[in-house]
Amino acid sequence: MTSLLEAISPTARELLATHKKSELQLLQDRIENFQRTKFPGQPLAGKLRHLSHEVRELKNEPSDELEWADVFILFLGSAAEYGFTTSNLITLAHRKMDINDQRDWHPPDKHGVCHHKAA
């Protein structure tokens, strides 16, 4: 017997598969497709260099919501390039936050950065 997914059109299969994805994963998929189409062959190092540039711009204009979007887009695209899905990233962020919760932290340094104390 043919399964329901095999019996329906490829477009309907795509829609059903997409429906199960989170909004964040759909965004990452869109970004990954855009980057692959518009910038074929761009290495991860290039994406990360661009991300670094956008972070500097954000530092100069923290109220610019589109700079926040640029950083987010480049972060998600770079993560996808390296094989991380949004689900992976969320799981890893929670794991890292569990570690951070257990750490002791120094007050901000002269640059405003808070480092954790040695274990």
N, C-alpha and C. Protein backbone atom coordinates (compact mmCIF):
# COMPACT_ATOMS: atom_id res chain seq x y z
N MET A 1 0.84 -1.18 0.00
CA MET A 1 0.00 0.00 0.00
C MET A 1 0.89 1.24 0.00
N THR A 2 0.52 2.23 -0.79
CA THR A 2 1.26 3.48 -0.88
C THR A 2 0.93 4.36 0.31
N SER A 3 2.00 4.94 0.89
CA SER A 3 1.75 5.82 2.02
C SER A 3 1.08 7.10 1.53
N LEU A 4 0.45 7.78 2.44
CA LEU A 4 -0.24 9.02 2.11
C LEU A 4 0.73 10.02 1.49
N LEU A 5 1.94 10.18 2.08
CA LEU A 5 2.91 11.14 1.55
C LEU A 5 3.37 10.77 0.15
N GLU A 6 3.48 9.47 -0.15
CA GLU A 6 3.89 9.06 -1.49
C GLU A 6 2.77 9.29 -2.50
N ALA A 7 1.53 9.24 -2.04
CA ALA A 7 0.39 9.35 -2.93
C ALA A 7 0.08 10.78 -3.33
N ILE A 8 0.49 11.75 -2.55
CA ILE A 8 0.16 13.14 -2.87
C ILE A 8 1.28 13.76 -3.69
N SER A 9 0.99 14.88 -4.27
CA SER A 9 1.94 15.54 -5.17
C SER A 9 3.18 16.00 -4.41
N PRO A 10 4.32 16.18 -5.13
CA PRO A 10 5.53 16.68 -4.48
C PRO A 10 5.31 18.02 -3.79
N THR A 11 4.50 18.89 -4.39
CA THR A 11 4.24 20.19 -3.78
C THR A 11 3.53 20.03 -2.45
N ALA A 12 2.55 19.16 -2.40
CA ALA A 12 1.82 18.92 -1.16
C ALA A 12 2.75 18.30 -0.12
N ARG A 13 3.65 17.40 -0.56
CA ARG A 13 4.62 16.81 0.37
C ARG A 13 5.50 17.90 0.97
N GLU A 14 5.96 18.82 0.11
CA GLU A 14 6.78 19.93 0.59
C GLU A 14 6.03 20.78 1.61
N LEU A 15 4.77 21.07 1.31
CA LEU A 15 3.97 21.88 2.23
C LEU A 15 3.78 21.18 3.57
N LEU A 16 3.53 19.88 3.55
CA LEU A 16 3.37 19.14 4.79
C LEU A 16 4.67 19.13 5.58
N ALA A 17 5.79 18.93 4.90
CA ALA A 17 7.09 18.93 5.58
C ALA A 17 7.39 20.30 6.15
N THR A 18 7.10 21.35 5.40
CA THR A 18 7.34 22.71 5.84
C THR A 18 6.48 23.06 7.03
N HIS A 19 5.25 22.59 7.04
CA HIS A 19 4.32 22.89 8.12
C HIS A 19 4.87 22.42 9.47
N LYS A 20 5.66 21.37 9.46
CA LYS A 20 6.20 20.81 10.69
C LYS A 20 7.41 21.59 11.19
N LYS A 21 7.97 22.45 10.36
CA LYS A 21 9.16 23.20 10.75
C LYS A 21 8.78 24.44 11.55
N SER A 22 9.66 24.83 12.45
CA SER A 22 9.43 26.05 13.22
C SER A 22 9.63 27.26 12.31
N GLU A 23 9.09 28.37 12.75
CA GLU A 23 9.25 29.62 12.02
C GLU A 23 10.73 29.97 11.90
N LEU A 24 11.48 29.72 12.95
CA LEU A 24 12.91 30.01 12.93
C LEU A 24 13.64 29.12 11.93
N GLN A 25 13.26 27.84 11.86
CA GLN A 25 13.90 26.93 10.90
C GLN A 25 13.54 27.32 9.47
N LEU A 26 12.30 27.74 9.25
CA LEU A 26 11.92 28.21 7.92
C LEU A 26 12.77 29.42 7.51
N LEU A 27 13.02 30.31 8.45
CA LEU A 27 13.87 31.46 8.16
C LEU A 27 15.28 31.02 7.82
N GLN A 28 15.84 30.11 8.61
CA GLN A 28 17.20 29.64 8.33
C GLN A 28 17.26 28.96 6.97
N ASP A 29 16.26 28.17 6.62
CA ASP A 29 16.22 27.54 5.30
C ASP A 29 16.18 28.58 4.20
N ARG A 30 15.40 29.63 4.39
CA ARG A 30 15.31 30.71 3.39
C ARG A 30 16.66 31.39 3.23
N ILE A 31 17.31 31.68 4.34
CA ILE A 31 18.62 32.34 4.31
C ILE A 31 19.64 31.45 3.61
N GLU A 32 19.65 30.19 3.96
CA GLU A 32 20.60 29.24 3.36
C GLU A 32 20.39 29.16 1.85
N ASN A 33 19.14 29.08 1.42
CA ASN A 33 18.84 29.03 -0.01
C ASN A 33 19.28 30.33 -0.70
N PHE A 34 18.99 31.47 -0.09
CA PHE A 34 19.40 32.76 -0.64
C PHE A 34 20.91 32.82 -0.80
N GLN A 35 21.63 32.45 0.24
CA GLN A 35 23.09 32.52 0.18
C GLN A 35 23.66 31.58 -0.87
N ARG A 36 23.11 30.37 -0.94
CA ARG A 36 23.58 29.40 -1.92
C ARG A 36 23.31 29.88 -3.35
N THR A 37 22.15 30.52 -3.57
CA THR A 37 21.77 31.01 -4.89
C THR A 37 22.52 32.27 -5.29
N LYS A 38 22.59 33.24 -4.39
CA LYS A 38 23.19 34.53 -4.70
C LYS A 38 24.71 34.53 -4.60
N PHE A 39 25.27 33.70 -3.73
CA PHE A 39 26.71 33.71 -3.49
C PHE A 39 27.27 32.29 -3.55
N PRO A 40 27.12 31.61 -4.70
CA PRO A 40 27.57 30.22 -4.78
C PRO A 40 29.08 30.12 -4.52
N GLY A 41 29.45 29.16 -3.73
CA GLY A 41 30.85 28.93 -3.47
C GLY A 41 31.46 29.82 -2.40
N GLN A 42 30.66 30.72 -1.80
CA GLN A 42 31.22 31.58 -0.75
C GLN A 42 31.60 30.71 0.44
N PRO A 43 32.85 30.79 0.88
CA PRO A 43 33.26 29.94 2.00
C PRO A 43 32.72 30.46 3.33
N LEU A 44 32.70 29.59 4.31
CA LEU A 44 32.26 29.97 5.65
C LEU A 44 33.08 31.14 6.16
N ALA A 45 34.38 31.15 5.89
CA ALA A 45 35.23 32.25 6.35
C ALA A 45 34.73 33.59 5.83
N GLY A 46 34.22 33.63 4.61
CA GLY A 46 33.68 34.86 4.04
C GLY A 46 32.42 35.30 4.76
N LYS A 47 31.56 34.34 5.06
CA LYS A 47 30.33 34.66 5.80
C LYS A 47 30.67 35.20 7.19
N LEU A 48 31.64 34.58 7.85
CA LEU A 48 32.01 35.02 9.19
C LEU A 48 32.69 36.39 9.17
N ARG A 49 33.47 36.65 8.13
CA ARG A 49 34.08 37.98 8.01
C ARG A 49 32.99 39.04 7.83
N HIS A 50 31.98 38.72 7.01
CA HIS A 50 30.86 39.64 6.79
C HIS A 50 30.10 39.84 8.10
N LEU A 51 29.89 38.75 8.84
CA LEU A 51 29.22 38.83 10.14
C LEU A 51 29.99 39.76 11.08
N SER A 52 31.29 39.63 11.09
CA SER A 52 32.13 40.49 11.92
C SER A 52 31.96 41.96 11.54
N HIS A 53 31.89 42.23 10.25
CA HIS A 53 31.67 43.59 9.75
C HIS A 53 30.32 44.12 10.24
N GLU A 54 29.28 43.30 10.13
CA GLU A 54 27.95 43.72 10.54
C GLU A 54 27.87 43.95 12.05
N VAL A 55 28.60 43.17 12.83
CA VAL A 55 28.63 43.38 14.28
C VAL A 55 29.26 44.74 14.59
N ARG A 56 30.31 45.10 13.87
CA ARG A 56 30.91 46.44 14.06
C ARG A 56 29.90 47.53 13.72
N GLU A 57 29.15 47.35 12.63
CA GLU A 57 28.12 48.34 12.28
C GLU A 57 27.05 48.43 13.37
N LEU A 58 26.66 47.29 13.91
CA LEU A 58 25.67 47.26 14.98
C LEU A 58 26.18 47.98 16.21
N LYS A 59 27.46 47.79 16.50
CA LYS A 59 28.06 48.48 17.65
C LYS A 59 27.95 49.98 17.49
N ASN A 60 28.09 50.46 16.26
CA ASN A 60 28.00 51.90 15.98
C ASN A 60 26.57 52.42 15.93
N GLU A 61 25.63 51.56 15.61
CA GLU A 61 24.21 51.95 15.47
C GLU A 61 23.31 50.93 16.16
N PRO A 62 23.40 50.79 17.49
CA PRO A 62 22.62 49.74 18.16
C PRO A 62 21.11 49.93 18.09
N SER A 63 20.64 51.10 17.74
CA SER A 63 19.19 51.29 17.62
C SER A 63 18.68 50.97 16.22
N ASP A 64 19.57 50.65 15.29
CA ASP A 64 19.17 50.33 13.91
C ASP A 64 18.70 48.88 13.85
N GLU A 65 17.40 48.70 13.78
CA GLU A 65 16.84 47.34 13.81
C GLU A 65 17.29 46.49 12.64
N LEU A 66 17.58 47.10 11.50
CA LEU A 66 18.03 46.32 10.35
C LEU A 66 19.46 45.82 10.52
N GLU A 67 20.26 46.51 11.32
CA GLU A 67 21.59 46.00 11.64
C GLU A 67 21.47 44.75 12.50
N TRP A 68 20.52 44.76 13.44
CA TRP A 68 20.26 43.54 14.21
C TRP A 68 19.86 42.40 13.28
N ALA A 69 19.02 42.71 12.31
CA ALA A 69 18.58 41.69 11.36
C ALA A 69 19.76 41.17 10.54
N ASP A 70 20.65 42.06 10.09
CA ASP A 70 21.83 41.63 9.33
C ASP A 70 22.67 40.63 10.12
N VAL A 71 22.90 40.94 11.40
CA VAL A 71 23.70 40.05 12.25
C VAL A 71 23.00 38.70 12.40
N PHE A 72 21.70 38.74 12.63
CA PHE A 72 20.92 37.51 12.81
C PHE A 72 20.95 36.66 11.54
N ILE A 73 20.76 37.30 10.40
CA ILE A 73 20.76 36.60 9.11
C ILE A 73 22.11 35.94 8.87
N LEU A 74 23.17 36.68 9.06
CA LEU A 74 24.50 36.13 8.81
C LEU A 74 24.86 35.04 9.82
N PHE A 75 24.41 35.19 11.05
CA PHE A 75 24.64 34.15 12.05
C PHE A 75 23.94 32.85 11.64
N LEU A 76 22.64 32.95 11.32
CA LEU A 76 21.89 31.75 10.94
C LEU A 76 22.44 31.11 9.67
N GLY A 77 22.83 31.94 8.70
CA GLY A 77 23.39 31.41 7.46
C GLY A 77 24.72 30.71 7.69
N SER A 78 25.56 31.29 8.53
CA SER A 78 26.85 30.68 8.84
C SER A 78 26.66 29.37 9.59
N ALA A 79 25.73 29.36 10.53
CA ALA A 79 25.46 28.13 11.28
C ALA A 79 24.96 27.03 10.35
N ALA A 80 24.09 27.39 9.40
CA ALA A 80 23.59 26.41 8.44
C ALA A 80 24.72 25.87 7.57
N GLU A 81 25.62 26.75 7.16
CA GLU A 81 26.78 26.35 6.36
C GLU A 81 27.60 25.29 7.09
N TYR A 82 27.65 25.41 8.40
CA TYR A 82 28.42 24.47 9.21
C TYR A 82 27.59 23.26 9.64
N GLY A 83 26.33 23.23 9.22
CA GLY A 83 25.48 22.06 9.47
C GLY A 83 24.59 22.14 10.69
N PHE A 84 24.51 23.31 11.33
CA PHE A 84 23.65 23.45 12.51
C PHE A 84 22.26 23.91 12.11
N THR A 85 21.25 23.23 12.62
CA THR A 85 19.87 23.66 12.44
C THR A 85 19.50 24.56 13.62
N THR A 86 18.37 25.22 13.49
CA THR A 86 17.93 26.07 14.60
C THR A 86 17.65 25.23 15.84
N SER A 87 17.17 24.03 15.66
CA SER A 87 16.92 23.13 16.79
C SER A 87 18.24 22.81 17.50
N ASN A 88 19.29 22.51 16.72
CA ASN A 88 20.62 22.28 17.31
C ASN A 88 21.07 23.49 18.10
N LEU A 89 20.94 24.67 17.50
CA LEU A 89 21.42 25.90 18.13
C LEU A 89 20.68 26.18 19.44
N ILE A 90 19.37 25.96 19.43
CA ILE A 90 18.58 26.18 20.65
C ILE A 90 19.01 25.21 21.75
N THR A 91 19.18 23.94 21.40
CA THR A 91 19.63 22.94 22.37
C THR A 91 21.00 23.30 22.92
N LEU A 92 21.92 23.69 22.04
CA LEU A 92 23.27 24.05 22.48
C LEU A 92 23.27 25.32 23.33
N ALA A 93 22.42 26.28 22.98
CA ALA A 93 22.34 27.52 23.77
C ALA A 93 21.83 27.22 25.18
N HIS A 94 20.84 26.34 25.30
CA HIS A 94 20.35 25.96 26.63
C HIS A 94 21.45 25.23 27.42
N ARG A 95 22.19 24.35 26.73
CA ARG A 95 23.28 23.63 27.40
C ARG A 95 24.33 24.62 27.90
N LYS A 96 24.68 25.58 27.06
CA LYS A 96 25.69 26.58 27.44
C LYS A 96 25.16 27.47 28.57
N MET A 97 23.89 27.82 28.53
CA MET A 97 23.31 28.62 29.60
C MET A 97 23.33 27.87 30.93
N ASP A 98 23.13 26.55 30.90
CA ASP A 98 23.23 25.75 32.12
C ASP A 98 24.64 25.86 32.70
N ILE A 99 25.64 25.84 31.83
CA ILE A 99 27.03 26.01 32.27
C ILE A 99 27.24 27.41 32.81
N ASN A 100 26.77 28.42 32.07
CA ASN A 100 26.94 29.81 32.49
C ASN A 100 26.27 30.09 33.84
N ASP A 101 25.11 29.47 34.07
CA ASP A 101 24.39 29.65 35.34
C ASP A 101 25.23 29.18 36.53
N GLN A 102 26.09 28.21 36.31
CA GLN A 102 26.89 27.64 37.40
C GLN A 102 28.21 28.37 37.62
N ARG A 103 28.55 29.27 36.72
CA ARG A 103 29.83 29.97 36.81
C ARG A 103 29.74 31.21 37.69
N ASP A 104 30.89 31.59 38.22
CA ASP A 104 31.04 32.87 38.89
C ASP A 104 31.61 33.84 37.87
N TRP A 105 31.16 35.09 37.95
CA TRP A 105 31.53 36.07 36.93
C TRP A 105 32.23 37.28 37.54
N HIS A 106 33.25 37.76 36.83
CA HIS A 106 33.92 39.01 37.22
C HIS A 106 33.02 40.18 36.85
N PRO A 107 33.21 41.32 37.53
CA PRO A 107 32.49 42.52 37.07
C PRO A 107 33.01 42.92 35.69
N PRO A 108 32.31 43.79 35.00
CA PRO A 108 32.74 44.21 33.66
C PRO A 108 34.16 44.78 33.70
N ASP A 109 34.95 44.46 32.66
CA ASP A 109 36.28 45.03 32.54
C ASP A 109 36.17 46.43 31.95
N LYS A 110 37.31 47.04 31.62
CA LYS A 110 37.30 48.43 31.12
C LYS A 110 36.56 48.57 29.79
N HIS A 111 36.33 47.45 29.10
CA HIS A 111 35.59 47.48 27.83
C HIS A 111 34.13 47.09 28.01
N GLY A 112 33.74 46.81 29.27
CA GLY A 112 32.35 46.43 29.53
C GLY A 112 32.09 44.93 29.37
N VAL A 113 33.15 44.14 29.24
CA VAL A 113 33.00 42.70 29.03
C VAL A 113 33.08 41.99 30.38
N CYS A 114 32.15 41.07 30.61
CA CYS A 114 32.16 40.24 31.81
C CYS A 114 32.70 38.86 31.46
N HIS A 115 33.79 38.47 32.12
CA HIS A 115 34.39 37.15 31.90
C HIS A 115 34.08 36.28 33.10
N HIS A 116 34.00 34.96 32.85
CA HIS A 116 33.77 34.07 33.98
C HIS A 116 35.10 33.80 34.69
N LYS A 117 34.97 33.52 35.97
CA LYS A 117 36.16 33.20 36.78
C LYS A 117 36.62 31.80 36.45
N ALA A 118 37.91 31.57 36.59
CA ALA A 118 38.49 30.25 36.32
C ALA A 118 37.85 29.22 37.24
N ALA A 119 37.66 28.04 36.70
CA ALA A 119 37.02 26.96 37.48
C ALA A 119 37.89 26.47 38.61
